[in-house]
Amino acid sequence: MTGGDATGPGYGHGCLAYADPAALHALEVDQVTAGLAAGEQVWLVGPEEPEVTARRLTAVPGFTAARRRGDVRLLAVGQAYRHDEVVDPGTQVRAYVRATTEALTAGYTGLRVVAEATGLVRTAAQRDAFARYEHRIDHWMRHRPMSAVCAYDRRVLGDAAIAELACLHAQTNAEVLFRLHAGGDDAAVALGGELDPSNHLLFATALERADPRPEAGRLVFDASHLRFVDHRGLLRLRDHARRHDAVAVLRTRHSAPARLVELLRLTGIRVEVVR
């Protein structure tokens, strides 16, 4: 997977878009192996029968004993989410907060989840709710001992639907030009990649779903990994901040956005060039 600036220890929120199930199966093996080595509890959530998944994992050293102890749990989608319904973002976040707490209480170092979530995002209403959940759990995970990879079947959903979800992850193999995910320090969100005319509508949707909120009248966007932003992107950031009675602050390594703000005489947005 590519993209994303790594944050706190153990932080990881990735998105796998796949057309060949072998890619998902390889990811499961890697995640179980890494999770057991780190002393984490590992959840594999998906539509398959648990024994089908278990047969693929027998080559992982210690898997059978780990499953028996509960170190690895193989769960149906309905055991971890409200299957085939519209997910309630707050309820789902609380469920994973509880699961992480229980894992820590049991002596694990954290919780690692691989979720094949295609069945949860087939409709527009499902994707809208799940995208809002994705961003909320992303913020919670950033400084907590939980990591997750969300897997989506490209054959079922198509690239456009997957892009709505992939762009809200710090790491993804999907072909999305930008990423909007949890920020650090006082940044409400972090932005990476490029914001240009080809994706301004997708960016508007992602920003509305994430709905970052200001602190002390400032809505800070960490754009240190954003390579390019055009005037549409700047205006969307400015307008979102205005809806919350705040000033947008864009932190970037490039001077071009500052020159663009000056040239267009944009108010309500300030660019801070950082090194």
C-alpha atoms as a PDB file:
ATOM      1  CA  MET A   1       0.000   0.000   0.000  1.00  0.00           C
ATOM      2  CA  THR A   2       1.069   3.537  -0.616  1.00  0.00           C
ATOM      3  CA  GLY A   3       0.462   6.962   0.795  1.00  0.00           C
ATOM      4  CA  GLY A   4      -0.028   8.374   4.226  1.00  0.00           C
ATOM      5  CA  ASP A   5       2.322   9.802   6.779  1.00  0.00           C
ATOM      6  CA  ALA A   6       2.834   7.324   9.582  1.00  0.00           C
ATOM      7  CA  THR A   7       1.792   8.620  12.952  1.00  0.00           C
ATOM      8  CA  GLY A   8       1.853   7.169  16.439  1.00  0.00           C
ATOM      9  CA  PRO A   9       3.302   3.773  17.320  1.00  0.00           C
ATOM     10  CA  GLY A  10       1.170   0.979  15.897  1.00  0.00           C
ATOM     11  CA  TYR A  11      -1.087   3.353  13.947  1.00  0.00           C
ATOM     12  CA  GLY A  12      -2.304   1.945  10.690  1.00  0.00           C
ATOM     13  CA  HIS A  13      -5.535   2.314   8.774  1.00  0.00           C
ATOM     14  CA  GLY A  14      -5.327   0.871   5.310  1.00  0.00           C
ATOM     15  CA  CYS A  15      -7.676   0.149   2.439  1.00  0.00           C
ATOM     16  CA  LEU A  16      -7.212  -2.802   0.099  1.00  0.00           C
ATOM     17  CA  ALA A  17      -9.066  -2.727  -3.219  1.00  0.00           C
ATOM     18  CA  TYR A  18      -8.842  -6.165  -4.807  1.00  0.00           C
ATOM     19  CA  ALA A  19     -10.148  -8.052  -7.815  1.00  0.00           C
ATOM     20  CA  ASP A  20      -8.238 -11.264  -7.167  1.00  0.00           C
ATOM     21  CA  PRO A  21      -9.164 -12.937  -3.840  1.00  0.00           C
ATOM     22  CA  ALA A  22      -5.568 -14.136  -3.604  1.00  0.00           C
ATOM     23  CA  ALA A  23      -4.561 -10.557  -2.746  1.00  0.00           C
ATOM     24  CA  LEU A  24      -6.956 -10.553   0.211  1.00  0.00           C
ATOM     25  CA  HIS A  25      -5.806 -13.982   1.332  1.00  0.00           C
ATOM     26  CA  ALA A  26      -2.152 -12.887   1.247  1.00  0.00           C
ATOM     27  CA  LEU A  27      -3.048  -9.823   3.301  1.00  0.00           C
ATOM     28  CA  GLU A  28      -4.769 -12.000   5.903  1.00  0.00           C
ATOM     29  CA  VAL A  29      -1.667 -14.172   6.260  1.00  0.00           C
ATOM     30  CA  ASP A  30       0.573 -11.121   6.608  1.00  0.00           C
ATOM     31  CA  GLN A  31      -1.687  -9.440   9.159  1.00  0.00           C
ATOM     32  CA  VAL A  32      -2.131 -12.552  11.299  1.00  0.00           C
ATOM     33  CA  THR A  33       1.617 -13.170  11.260  1.00  0.00           C
ATOM     34  CA  ALA A  34       2.428  -9.562  12.183  1.00  0.00           C
ATOM     35  CA  GLY A  35      -0.298  -9.351  14.820  1.00  0.00           C
ATOM     36  CA  LEU A  36       0.765 -12.512  16.623  1.00  0.00           C
ATOM     37  CA  ALA A  37       4.397 -11.385  16.570  1.00  0.00           C
ATOM     38  CA  ALA A  38       3.331  -8.064  18.155  1.00  0.00           C
ATOM     39  CA  GLY A  39       1.266  -9.711  20.882  1.00  0.00           C
ATOM     40  CA  GLU A  40      -1.998  -8.317  19.508  1.00  0.00           C
ATOM     41  CA  GLN A  41      -5.393  -9.920  19.255  1.00  0.00           C
ATOM     42  CA  VAL A  42      -6.263 -10.333  15.568  1.00  0.00           C
ATOM     43  CA  TRP A  43      -9.762 -10.268  14.124  1.00  0.00           C
ATOM     44  CA  LEU A  44     -10.477 -11.438  10.581  1.00  0.00           C
ATOM     45  CA  VAL A  45     -13.974 -10.323   9.608  1.00  0.00           C
ATOM     46  CA  GLY A  46     -15.552 -11.501   6.371  1.00  0.00           C
ATOM     47  CA  PRO A  47     -18.381 -13.270   4.570  1.00  0.00           C
ATOM     48  CA  GLU A  48     -16.732 -16.706   4.406  1.00  0.00           C
ATOM     49  CA  GLU A  49     -17.300 -19.565   6.815  1.00  0.00           C
ATOM     50  CA  PRO A  50     -14.609 -19.456   9.537  1.00  0.00           C
ATOM     51  CA  GLU A  51     -13.283 -22.925   8.706  1.00  0.00           C
ATOM     52  CA  VAL A  52     -12.677 -21.899   5.089  1.00  0.00           C
ATOM     53  CA  THR A  53     -10.556 -18.988   6.284  1.00  0.00           C
ATOM     54  CA  ALA A  54      -8.828 -21.166   8.867  1.00  0.00           C
ATOM     55  CA  ARG A  55      -7.642 -23.641   6.239  1.00  0.00           C
ATOM     56  CA  ARG A  56      -5.798 -20.857   4.441  1.00  0.00           C
ATOM     57  CA  LEU A  57      -4.027 -19.839   7.632  1.00  0.00           C
ATOM     58  CA  THR A  58      -2.691 -23.202   8.760  1.00  0.00           C
ATOM     59  CA  ALA A  59       0.680 -22.328   7.227  1.00  0.00           C
ATOM     60  CA  VAL A  60       1.070 -19.442   9.705  1.00  0.00           C
ATOM     61  CA  PRO A  61       3.310 -20.712  12.529  1.00  0.00           C
ATOM     62  CA  GLY A  62       1.271 -21.259  15.685  1.00  0.00           C
ATOM     63  CA  PHE A  63      -2.055 -20.337  14.082  1.00  0.00           C
ATOM     64  CA  THR A  64      -4.054 -23.340  15.312  1.00  0.00           C
ATOM     65  CA  ALA A  65      -2.984 -22.851  18.932  1.00  0.00           C
ATOM     66  CA  ALA A  66      -3.465 -19.072  18.644  1.00  0.00           C
ATOM     67  CA  ARG A  67      -7.013 -19.541  17.419  1.00  0.00           C
ATOM     68  CA  ARG A  68      -7.746 -21.971  20.228  1.00  0.00           C
ATOM     69  CA  ARG A  69      -6.514 -19.399  22.798  1.00  0.00           C
ATOM     70  CA  GLY A  70      -8.516 -16.596  21.203  1.00  0.00           C
ATOM     71  CA  ASP A  71      -5.451 -14.739  19.950  1.00  0.00           C
ATOM     72  CA  VAL A  72      -7.015 -14.926  16.483  1.00  0.00           C
ATOM     73  CA  ARG A  73     -10.765 -14.636  16.016  1.00  0.00           C
ATOM     74  CA  LEU A  74     -12.504 -15.465  12.725  1.00  0.00           C
ATOM     75  CA  LEU A  75     -15.775 -13.556  12.634  1.00  0.00           C
ATOM     76  CA  ALA A  76     -18.711 -13.326  10.272  1.00  0.00           C
ATOM     77  CA  VAL A  77     -19.480  -9.778   9.147  1.00  0.00           C
ATOM     78  CA  GLY A  78     -22.659  -9.785  11.208  1.00  0.00           C
ATOM     79  CA  GLN A  79     -20.693 -10.476  14.398  1.00  0.00           C
ATOM     80  CA  ALA A  80     -18.680  -7.269  14.046  1.00  0.00           C
ATOM     81  CA  TYR A  81     -21.058  -4.993  12.110  1.00  0.00           C
ATOM     82  CA  ARG A  82     -24.768  -4.615  11.407  1.00  0.00           C
ATOM     83  CA  HIS A  83     -24.667  -6.723   8.267  1.00  0.00           C
ATOM     84  CA  ASP A  84     -26.654  -5.584   5.191  1.00  0.00           C
ATOM     85  CA  GLU A  85     -27.917  -2.506   7.012  1.00  0.00           C
ATOM     86  CA  VAL A  86     -26.762   1.099   7.168  1.00  0.00           C
ATOM     87  CA  VAL A  87     -24.020   1.281   9.785  1.00  0.00           C
ATOM     88  CA  ASP A  88     -24.465   3.790  12.594  1.00  0.00           C
ATOM     89  CA  PRO A  89     -21.038   5.505  12.789  1.00  0.00           C
ATOM     90  CA  GLY A  90     -21.110   6.258  16.514  1.00  0.00           C
ATOM     91  CA  THR A  91     -22.348   2.819  17.491  1.00  0.00           C
ATOM     92  CA  GLN A  92     -19.702   1.093  15.373  1.00  0.00           C
ATOM     93  CA  VAL A  93     -16.884   3.212  16.790  1.00  0.00           C
ATOM     94  CA  ARG A  94     -18.030   2.401  20.318  1.00  0.00           C
ATOM     95  CA  ALA A  95     -18.053  -1.308  19.446  1.00  0.00           C
ATOM     96  CA  TYR A  96     -14.389  -1.209  18.433  1.00  0.00           C
ATOM     97  CA  VAL A  97     -13.454   0.935  21.426  1.00  0.00           C
ATOM     98  CA  ARG A  98     -14.995  -1.764  23.601  1.00  0.00           C
ATOM     99  CA  ALA A  99     -13.243  -4.554  21.688  1.00  0.00           C
ATOM    100  CA  THR A 100      -9.868  -2.821  21.980  1.00  0.00           C
ATOM    101  CA  THR A 101     -10.377  -2.260  25.709  1.00  0.00           C
ATOM    102  CA  GLU A 102     -11.270  -5.908  26.181  1.00  0.00           C
ATOM    103  CA  ALA A 103      -8.176  -7.009  24.248  1.00  0.00           C
ATOM    104  CA  LEU A 104      -5.937  -4.842  26.438  1.00  0.00           C
ATOM    105  CA  THR A 105      -7.619  -6.122  29.611  1.00  0.00           C
ATOM    106  CA  ALA A 106      -6.953  -9.689  28.440  1.00  0.00           C
ATOM    107  CA  GLY A 107      -3.244  -8.919  28.176  1.00  0.00           C
ATOM    108  CA  TYR A 108      -2.859  -8.232  24.469  1.00  0.00           C
ATOM    109  CA  THR A 109      -0.867  -5.228  23.256  1.00  0.00           C
ATOM    110  CA  GLY A 110      -3.707  -4.091  21.031  1.00  0.00           C
ATOM    111  CA  LEU A 111      -6.309  -5.063  18.462  1.00  0.00           C
ATOM    112  CA  ARG A 112      -5.630  -5.669  14.768  1.00  0.00           C
ATOM    113  CA  VAL A 113      -8.587  -6.024  12.379  1.00  0.00           C
ATOM    114  CA  VAL A 114      -8.883  -7.114   8.752  1.00  0.00           C
ATOM    115  CA  ALA A 115     -12.462  -6.546   7.573  1.00  0.00           C
ATOM    116  CA  GLU A 116     -13.807  -7.597   4.172  1.00  0.00           C
ATOM    117  CA  ALA A 117     -16.553  -4.974   4.143  1.00  0.00           C
ATOM    118  CA  THR A 118     -17.891  -5.129   0.592  1.00  0.00           C
ATOM    119  CA  GLY A 119     -21.345  -6.223   1.746  1.00  0.00           C
ATOM    120  CA  LEU A 120     -21.611  -3.182   3.994  1.00  0.00           C
ATOM    121  CA  VAL A 121     -21.177  -0.557   1.248  1.00  0.00           C
ATOM    122  CA  ARG A 122     -23.177  -1.757  -1.753  1.00  0.00           C
ATOM    123  CA  THR A 123     -25.663   1.137  -1.767  1.00  0.00           C
ATOM    124  CA  ALA A 124     -25.089   4.883  -1.768  1.00  0.00           C
ATOM    125  CA  ALA A 125     -26.701   5.203   1.665  1.00  0.00           C
ATOM    126  CA  GLN A 126     -24.477   2.452   3.071  1.00  0.00           C
ATOM    127  CA  ARG A 127     -21.338   4.087   1.643  1.00  0.00           C
ATOM    128  CA  ASP A 128     -22.270   7.484   3.020  1.00  0.00           C
ATOM    129  CA  ALA A 129     -22.695   6.123   6.553  1.00  0.00           C
ATOM    130  CA  PHE A 130     -19.695   3.811   6.356  1.00  0.00           C
ATOM    131  CA  ALA A 131     -17.438   6.589   5.073  1.00  0.00           C
ATOM    132  CA  ARG A 132     -18.423   8.722   8.060  1.00  0.00           C
ATOM    133  CA  TYR A 133     -17.642   5.777  10.327  1.00  0.00           C
ATOM    134  CA  GLU A 134     -14.291   5.213   8.584  1.00  0.00           C
ATOM    135  CA  HIS A 135     -13.153   8.734   9.385  1.00  0.00           C
ATOM    136  CA  ARG A 136     -14.341   8.613  12.988  1.00  0.00           C
ATOM    137  CA  ILE A 137     -12.594   5.321  13.720  1.00  0.00           C
ATOM    138  CA  ASP A 138      -9.509   6.646  11.914  1.00  0.00           C
ATOM    139  CA  HIS A 139      -9.306   9.516  14.414  1.00  0.00           C
ATOM    140  CA  TRP A 140      -9.803   7.174  17.347  1.00  0.00           C
ATOM    141  CA  MET A 141      -7.142   4.727  16.160  1.00  0.00           C
ATOM    142  CA  ARG A 142      -4.497   7.343  15.549  1.00  0.00           C
ATOM    143  CA  HIS A 143      -3.310   7.398  19.154  1.00  0.00           C
ATOM    144  CA  ARG A 144      -4.732   4.091  20.382  1.00  0.00           C
ATOM    145  CA  PRO A 145      -3.499   0.504  20.071  1.00  0.00           C
ATOM    146  CA  MET A 146      -5.827  -0.507  17.257  1.00  0.00           C
ATOM    147  CA  SER A 147      -5.058  -0.932  13.574  1.00  0.00           C
ATOM    148  CA  ALA A 148      -7.265  -1.994  10.694  1.00  0.00           C
ATOM    149  CA  VAL A 149      -7.322  -2.822   7.017  1.00  0.00           C
ATOM    150  CA  CYS A 150     -10.635  -2.516   5.180  1.00  0.00           C
ATOM    151  CA  ALA A 151     -10.932  -4.678   2.062  1.00  0.00           C
ATOM    152  CA  TYR A 152     -13.322  -3.995  -0.811  1.00  0.00           C
ATOM    153  CA  ASP A 153     -14.010  -6.158  -3.849  1.00  0.00           C
ATOM    154  CA  ARG A 154     -13.520  -4.102  -7.006  1.00  0.00           C
ATOM    155  CA  ARG A 155     -15.536  -6.601  -9.059  1.00  0.00           C
ATOM    156  CA  VAL A 156     -18.638  -5.917  -6.965  1.00  0.00           C
ATOM    157  CA  LEU A 157     -18.329  -2.218  -6.176  1.00  0.00           C
ATOM    158  CA  GLY A 158     -16.387  -0.677  -9.047  1.00  0.00           C
ATOM    159  CA  ASP A 159     -13.602   1.879  -8.821  1.00  0.00           C
ATOM    160  CA  ALA A 160     -15.786   4.948  -8.262  1.00  0.00           C
ATOM    161  CA  ALA A 161     -17.494   3.500  -5.190  1.00  0.00           C
ATOM    162  CA  ILE A 162     -14.221   2.249  -3.759  1.00  0.00           C
ATOM    163  CA  ALA A 163     -12.625   5.674  -4.272  1.00  0.00           C
ATOM    164  CA  GLU A 164     -15.227   7.207  -1.913  1.00  0.00           C
ATOM    165  CA  LEU A 165     -13.868   4.988   0.860  1.00  0.00           C
ATOM    166  CA  ALA A 166     -10.211   4.621  -0.115  1.00  0.00           C
ATOM    167  CA  CYS A 167      -9.580   8.380  -0.043  1.00  0.00           C
ATOM    168  CA  LEU A 168     -10.399   8.387   3.690  1.00  0.00           C
ATOM    169  CA  HIS A 169      -7.497   6.056   4.566  1.00  0.00           C
ATOM    170  CA  ALA A 170      -3.903   6.921   5.306  1.00  0.00           C
ATOM    171  CA  GLN A 171      -2.696   4.014   3.162  1.00  0.00           C
ATOM    172  CA  THR A 172      -4.356   2.430   0.133  1.00  0.00           C
ATOM    173  CA  ASN A 173      -3.543   0.591  -3.066  1.00  0.00           C
ATOM    174  CA  ALA A 174      -6.590   2.102  -4.802  1.00  0.00           C
ATOM    175  CA  GLU A 175      -5.998   4.650  -7.532  1.00  0.00           C
ATOM    176  CA  VAL A 176      -7.065   7.815  -5.718  1.00  0.00           C
ATOM    177  CA  LEU A 177      -5.186  11.074  -6.196  1.00  0.00           C
ATOM    178  CA  PHE A 178      -5.766  12.421  -2.696  1.00  0.00           C
ATOM    179  CA  ARG A 179      -6.155  11.107   0.844  1.00  0.00           C
ATOM    180  CA  LEU A 180      -7.959  12.774   3.734  1.00  0.00           C
ATOM    181  CA  HIS A 181      -7.373  11.181   7.115  1.00  0.00           C
ATOM    182  CA  ALA A 182      -6.796  11.867  10.794  1.00  0.00           C
ATOM    183  CA  GLY A 183      -4.427  14.726  11.565  1.00  0.00           C
ATOM    184  CA  GLY A 184      -1.967  15.042  14.404  1.00  0.00           C
ATOM    185  CA  ASP A 185      -1.237  17.719  16.992  1.00  0.00           C
ATOM    186  CA  ASP A 186      -3.716  20.542  16.361  1.00  0.00           C
ATOM    187  CA  ALA A 187      -4.502  19.545  12.766  1.00  0.00           C
ATOM    188  CA  ALA A 188      -8.104  18.477  12.281  1.00  0.00           C
ATOM    189  CA  VAL A 189      -7.191  16.349   9.267  1.00  0.00           C
ATOM    190  CA  ALA A 190      -4.179  15.509   7.124  1.00  0.00           C
ATOM    191  CA  LEU A 191      -4.202  15.766   3.339  1.00  0.00           C
ATOM    192  CA  GLY A 192      -1.947  13.915   0.927  1.00  0.00           C
ATOM    193  CA  GLY A 193      -1.592  13.538  -2.820  1.00  0.00           C
ATOM    194  CA  GLU A 194      -3.124  16.034  -5.236  1.00  0.00           C
ATOM    195  CA  LEU A 195      -6.325  18.113  -5.334  1.00  0.00           C
ATOM    196  CA  ASP A 196      -7.098  19.082  -8.914  1.00  0.00           C
ATOM    197  CA  PRO A 197     -10.115  19.485 -11.248  1.00  0.00           C
ATOM    198  CA  SER A 198     -10.391  15.717 -11.745  1.00  0.00           C
ATOM    199  CA  ASN A 199     -11.269  15.016  -8.111  1.00  0.00           C
ATOM    200  CA  HIS A 200     -12.810  18.173  -6.676  1.00  0.00           C
ATOM    201  CA  LEU A 201     -16.283  16.608  -6.416  1.00  0.00           C
ATOM    202  CA  LEU A 202     -14.913  13.528  -4.640  1.00  0.00           C
ATOM    203  CA  PHE A 203     -12.956  15.827  -2.333  1.00  0.00           C
ATOM    204  CA  ALA A 204     -16.092  17.837  -1.552  1.00  0.00           C
ATOM    205  CA  THR A 205     -17.898  14.623  -0.603  1.00  0.00           C
ATOM    206  CA  ALA A 206     -14.989  13.377   1.521  1.00  0.00           C
ATOM    207  CA  LEU A 207     -14.693  16.708   3.329  1.00  0.00           C
ATOM    208  CA  GLU A 208     -18.421  16.813   4.052  1.00  0.00           C
ATOM    209  CA  ARG A 209     -18.386  13.258   5.413  1.00  0.00           C
ATOM    210  CA  ALA A 210     -15.303  13.824   7.553  1.00  0.00           C
ATOM    211  CA  ASP A 211     -16.703  17.169   8.747  1.00  0.00           C
ATOM    212  CA  PRO A 212     -13.556  18.339  10.584  1.00  0.00           C
ATOM    213  CA  ARG A 213     -14.213  20.794  13.394  1.00  0.00           C
ATOM    214  CA  PRO A 214     -12.159  23.845  14.456  1.00  0.00           C
ATOM    215  CA  GLU A 215     -10.452  24.600  17.726  1.00  0.00           C
ATOM    216  CA  ALA A 216     -10.222  28.160  19.038  1.00  0.00           C
ATOM    217  CA  GLY A 217     -11.556  29.544  15.762  1.00  0.00           C
ATOM    218  CA  ARG A 218      -8.964  27.779  13.592  1.00  0.00           C
ATOM    219  CA  LEU A 219      -9.485  24.755  11.359  1.00  0.00           C
ATOM    220  CA  VAL A 220      -5.996  23.401  10.701  1.00  0.00           C
ATOM    221  CA  PHE A 221      -5.243  21.156   7.723  1.00  0.00           C
ATOM    222  CA  ASP A 222      -1.903  19.342   7.673  1.00  0.00           C
ATOM    223  CA  ALA A 223      -1.021  19.439   3.970  1.00  0.00           C
ATOM    224  CA  SER A 224       2.656  18.575   4.372  1.00  0.00           C
ATOM    225  CA  HIS A 225       2.110  15.542   2.110  1.00  0.00           C
ATOM    226  CA  LEU A 226      -0.133  17.356  -0.364  1.00  0.00           C
ATOM    227  CA  ARG A 227       1.827  17.846  -3.585  1.00  0.00           C
ATOM    228  CA  PHE A 228      -0.673  20.079  -5.380  1.00  0.00           C
ATOM    229  CA  VAL A 229      -3.855  22.014  -4.648  1.00  0.00           C
ATOM    230  CA  ASP A 230      -5.748  24.263  -7.058  1.00  0.00           C
ATOM    231  CA  HIS A 231      -8.020  27.177  -6.259  1.00  0.00           C
ATOM    232  CA  ARG A 232     -11.103  24.918  -6.037  1.00  0.00           C
ATOM    233  CA  GLY A 233      -9.482  22.943  -3.251  1.00  0.00           C
ATOM    234  CA  LEU A 234      -8.530  26.102  -1.379  1.00  0.00           C
ATOM    235  CA  LEU A 235     -12.058  27.450  -1.696  1.00  0.00           C
ATOM    236  CA  ARG A 236     -13.575  24.223  -0.386  1.00  0.00           C
ATOM    237  CA  LEU A 237     -11.302  24.306   2.660  1.00  0.00           C
ATOM    238  CA  ARG A 238     -12.109  27.970   3.232  1.00  0.00           C
ATOM    239  CA  ASP A 239     -15.855  27.448   2.838  1.00  0.00           C
ATOM    240  CA  HIS A 240     -15.912  24.441   5.163  1.00  0.00           C
ATOM    241  CA  ALA A 241     -14.131  26.443   7.850  1.00  0.00           C
ATOM    242  CA  ARG A 242     -16.548  29.338   7.378  1.00  0.00           C
ATOM    243  CA  ARG A 243     -19.509  27.050   7.985  1.00  0.00           C
ATOM    244  CA  HIS A 244     -18.030  26.474  11.415  1.00  0.00           C
ATOM    245  CA  ASP A 245     -17.217  30.178  11.970  1.00  0.00           C
ATOM    246  CA  ALA A 246     -13.499  29.516  11.696  1.00  0.00           C
ATOM    247  CA  VAL A 247     -10.445  30.439   9.645  1.00  0.00           C
ATOM    248  CA  ALA A 248      -8.883  27.685   7.534  1.00  0.00           C
ATOM    249  CA  VAL A 249      -5.153  27.177   8.082  1.00  0.00           C
ATOM    250  CA  LEU A 250      -3.273  25.165   5.457  1.00  0.00           C
ATOM    251  CA  ARG A 251       0.157  23.909   6.525  1.00  0.00           C
ATOM    252  CA  THR A 252       2.218  22.962   3.505  1.00  0.00           C
ATOM    253  CA  ARG A 253       5.811  22.492   2.388  1.00  0.00           C
ATOM    254  CA  HIS A 254       5.142  24.400  -0.827  1.00  0.00           C
ATOM    255  CA  SER A 255       4.921  28.137  -1.378  1.00  0.00           C
ATOM    256  CA  ALA A 256       2.559  27.957  -4.383  1.00  0.00           C
ATOM    257  CA  PRO A 257      -0.679  27.825  -2.316  1.00  0.00           C
ATOM    258  CA  ALA A 258       0.340  30.981  -0.452  1.00  0.00           C
ATOM    259  CA  ARG A 259       0.965  32.784  -3.744  1.00  0.00           C
ATOM    260  CA  LEU A 260      -2.404  31.570  -5.049  1.00  0.00           C
ATOM    261  CA  VAL A 261      -4.216  32.865  -1.959  1.00  0.00           C
ATOM    262  CA  GLU A 262      -2.487  36.224  -2.388  1.00  0.00           C
ATOM    263  CA  LEU A 263      -3.129  36.401  -6.135  1.00  0.00           C
ATOM    264  CA  LEU A 264      -6.847  35.631  -5.757  1.00  0.00           C
ATOM    265  CA  ARG A 265      -7.129  37.788  -2.641  1.00  0.00           C
ATOM    266  CA  LEU A 266      -8.804  34.961  -0.758  1.00  0.00           C
ATOM    267  CA  THR A 267      -9.958  35.753   2.743  1.00  0.00           C
ATOM    268  CA  GLY A 268     -10.767  33.255   5.453  1.00  0.00           C
ATOM    269  CA  ILE A 269      -7.815  31.023   4.642  1.00  0.00           C
ATOM    270  CA  ARG A 270      -4.201  31.312   5.728  1.00  0.00           C
ATOM    271  CA  VAL A 271      -1.261  29.330   4.367  1.00  0.00           C
ATOM    272  CA  GLU A 272       1.655  28.424   6.635  1.00  0.00           C
ATOM    273  CA  VAL A 273       4.737  27.144   4.840  1.00  0.00           C
ATOM    274  CA  VAL A 274       6.541  24.581   6.985  1.00  0.00           C
ATOM    275  CA  ARG A 275       9.860  22.836   6.447  1.00  0.00           C
END
